[in-house]
Protein backbone atom coordinates (compact mmCIF):
# COMPACT_ATOMS: atom_id res chain seq x y z
CA PRO A 1 76.84 150.29 80.16
CA GLU A 2 74.17 151.46 77.69
CA THR A 3 75.34 153.50 74.75
CA LEU A 4 73.42 156.16 72.38
CA GLY A 5 74.68 153.87 69.83
CA PRO A 6 76.33 154.70 66.40
CA ASP A 7 73.59 157.66 65.24
CA TYR A 8 75.00 159.72 67.82
CA GLU A 9 78.27 161.48 67.97
CA VAL A 10 79.13 162.05 71.63
CA ILE A 11 81.46 165.87 72.42
CA GLN A 12 82.60 165.47 76.29
CA PRO A 13 84.38 168.49 76.65
CA ARG A 14 86.84 168.85 79.96
CA MET A 15 85.98 171.94 81.33
CA PRO A 16 89.15 173.96 82.24
CA ASN A 17 89.84 174.19 86.29
CA ALA A 18 87.23 171.88 87.47
CA ASN A 19 88.69 172.54 90.74
CA ASN A 20 88.74 175.88 91.06
CA ALA A 21 86.14 177.08 87.83
CA LYS A 22 85.24 180.22 86.41
CA TYR A 23 81.79 180.82 84.35
CA GLU A 24 83.78 182.89 81.94
CA GLU A 25 86.55 180.50 81.74
CA TRP A 26 84.18 177.89 80.88
CA LYS A 27 82.50 180.03 78.08
CA ILE A 28 85.05 180.52 76.27
CA TRP A 29 85.95 177.00 76.58
CA PHE A 30 82.19 175.91 75.84
CA GLU A 31 82.53 178.15 72.93
CA LYS A 32 85.38 177.16 70.95
CA TYR A 33 83.10 174.01 70.53
CA ILE A 34 80.19 175.70 68.26
CA PRO A 35 81.72 175.91 64.79
CA PHE A 36 81.88 172.22 64.71
CA LEU A 37 78.62 171.21 66.22
CA HIS A 38 75.01 171.22 64.42
CA ASP A 39 71.69 172.17 64.07
CA GLY A 40 69.82 169.72 66.03
CA ILE A 41 72.43 169.54 69.19
CA ILE A 42 71.39 167.62 72.17
CA LEU A 43 73.11 169.61 74.95
CA VAL A 44 73.97 167.57 78.22
CA GLY A 45 75.00 168.99 81.16
CA HIS A 46 75.88 167.32 84.42
CA SER A 47 76.14 169.31 88.37
CA LEU A 48 78.04 172.39 87.73
CA GLY A 49 77.90 171.89 83.83
CA ALA A 50 73.70 171.98 84.36
CA VAL A 51 73.99 175.41 85.63
CA PHE A 52 76.42 176.65 83.24
CA LEU A 53 74.32 175.19 80.46
CA ALA A 54 71.18 176.66 82.39
CA LYS A 55 73.25 180.18 83.08
CA TYR A 56 74.58 179.87 79.22
CA LEU A 57 71.71 179.54 77.35
CA ALA A 58 69.33 182.25 79.60
CA GLU A 59 71.51 184.80 78.95
CA ASN A 60 72.63 184.31 75.20
CA THR A 61 71.09 183.09 71.94
CA PHE A 62 72.74 180.29 70.93
CA PRO A 63 73.83 180.05 67.25
CA LYS A 64 72.47 176.40 65.99
CA GLY A 65 69.41 174.65 66.40
CA ILE A 66 68.99 172.84 69.53
CA ALA A 67 66.70 169.69 69.64
CA GLY A 68 67.12 169.11 74.02
CA THR A 69 68.21 170.58 76.76
CA PHE A 70 69.12 168.05 79.68
CA LEU A 71 70.26 169.17 83.01
CA VAL A 72 71.00 166.52 85.46
CA ALA A 73 71.36 166.90 89.10
CA GLY A 74 72.36 171.08 88.81
CA PRO A 75 72.30 173.44 92.10
CA TYR A 76 70.18 176.52 91.21
CA SER A 77 71.55 178.51 93.84
CA VAL A 78 75.04 178.26 94.75
CA ASP A 79 75.88 178.57 98.42
CA GLU A 80 78.75 180.90 99.27
CA ASP A 81 81.13 177.95 100.68
CA ARG A 82 81.34 176.37 97.17
CA GLN A 83 82.37 179.23 95.96
CA LEU A 84 81.26 179.56 92.60
CA VAL A 85 78.67 182.35 92.55
CA GLU A 86 79.28 183.24 89.29
CA PHE A 87 77.64 180.14 88.28
CA VAL A 88 73.93 181.32 89.39
CA PRO A 89 71.76 181.53 86.33
CA PRO A 90 69.58 184.70 85.96
CA ALA A 91 65.82 184.92 87.47
CA SER A 92 64.69 183.98 84.18
CA LEU A 93 65.39 180.91 82.13
CA ALA A 94 62.77 182.21 79.78
CA LEU A 95 65.54 182.58 76.74
CA LEU A 96 66.14 178.87 77.61
CA GLU A 97 62.85 177.74 77.84
CA LYS A 98 62.75 179.41 74.34
CA HIS A 99 65.89 177.82 72.72
CA GLY A 100 66.64 175.00 74.62
CA GLY A 101 64.66 172.35 72.63
CA LYS A 102 63.33 170.17 74.73
CA VAL A 103 64.35 170.47 78.58
CA PHE A 104 64.94 167.74 80.47
CA LEU A 105 65.62 167.86 84.33
CA TYR A 106 66.70 164.85 86.15
CA HIS A 107 67.51 164.96 89.96
CA SER A 108 67.62 161.58 92.92
CA LYS A 109 65.96 162.43 95.67
CA ASP A 110 69.61 160.50 97.42
CA ASP A 111 71.80 163.60 96.08
CA PRO A 112 74.70 163.71 98.31
CA ILE A 113 76.24 167.01 97.14
CA VAL A 114 73.37 168.52 95.15
CA PRO A 115 70.31 168.72 97.76
CA PHE A 116 67.08 167.51 96.19
CA SER A 117 65.14 171.10 96.53
CA GLU A 118 66.82 172.69 94.00
CA LEU A 119 65.17 170.53 91.61
CA ALA A 120 61.46 172.67 92.49
CA LYS A 121 63.71 175.99 91.58
CA TYR A 122 64.58 174.89 87.91
CA GLN A 123 60.74 172.98 87.52
CA ALA A 124 59.69 177.10 88.91
CA ALA A 125 61.81 178.81 86.22
CA ILE A 126 61.08 175.88 83.19
CA PRO A 127 57.54 175.28 83.83
CA THR A 128 57.80 173.55 80.25
CA ALA A 129 60.41 171.28 80.96
CA THR A 130 59.93 167.25 81.63
CA VAL A 131 61.04 166.61 85.30
CA ARG A 132 62.81 163.03 86.31
CA THR A 133 62.73 161.77 89.76
CA LEU A 134 64.51 158.97 90.69
CA ASP A 135 66.02 157.72 93.84
CA GLY A 136 69.45 155.50 94.67
CA ARG A 137 71.05 157.18 92.23
CA GLY A 138 72.83 160.00 94.60
CA HIS A 139 74.80 162.68 92.38
CA PHE A 140 74.34 160.31 88.77
CA ASP A 141 78.02 158.85 88.72
CA GLN A 142 77.39 155.84 87.30
CA ASP A 143 78.53 154.66 83.95
CA ALA A 144 74.87 153.43 83.06
CA PHE A 145 71.87 156.13 82.56
CA PRO A 146 69.09 154.56 80.58
CA GLU A 147 67.09 157.19 81.60
CA ILE A 148 68.85 159.86 79.73
CA VAL A 149 69.32 157.24 76.94
CA THR A 150 65.95 156.62 76.22
CA ASP A 151 64.81 160.47 76.05
CA ILE A 152 67.74 161.75 74.37
CA LYS A 153 66.57 158.43 71.93
CA SER A 154 62.83 160.05 71.70
CA LEU A 155 63.82 163.32 69.99
């Protein structure tokens, strides 16, 4: 699979209790990594990780300069049967848009987990975001993701 190469250090935290996720637990876990990060960071969130980043960056001032925020297949509104209401971002994502660097949104038209209609909600909330609409990629569970690699390297 295509990778970013040696110019990038990738930190991929395993968030706690993925099957019974709690926003406050994820927030505490995420904040433990901040002292190890540098200005120019690139943040990537997939699925629940995407909505976590959207909510976190919309409600908190991140202490490092962010070069880019990449939200992949993120739900925007969480239905009640998922029991993840605490992850729903605030009405305004202005703080994310202001401090999140260049924002990229990715969604596949055939995503069986998060409806494609969720992308339009992010587009409305972050009008300056670069949108990548794909097809045939499902919920982006593949090893290779050349589009995001290209966009990260473009920063």
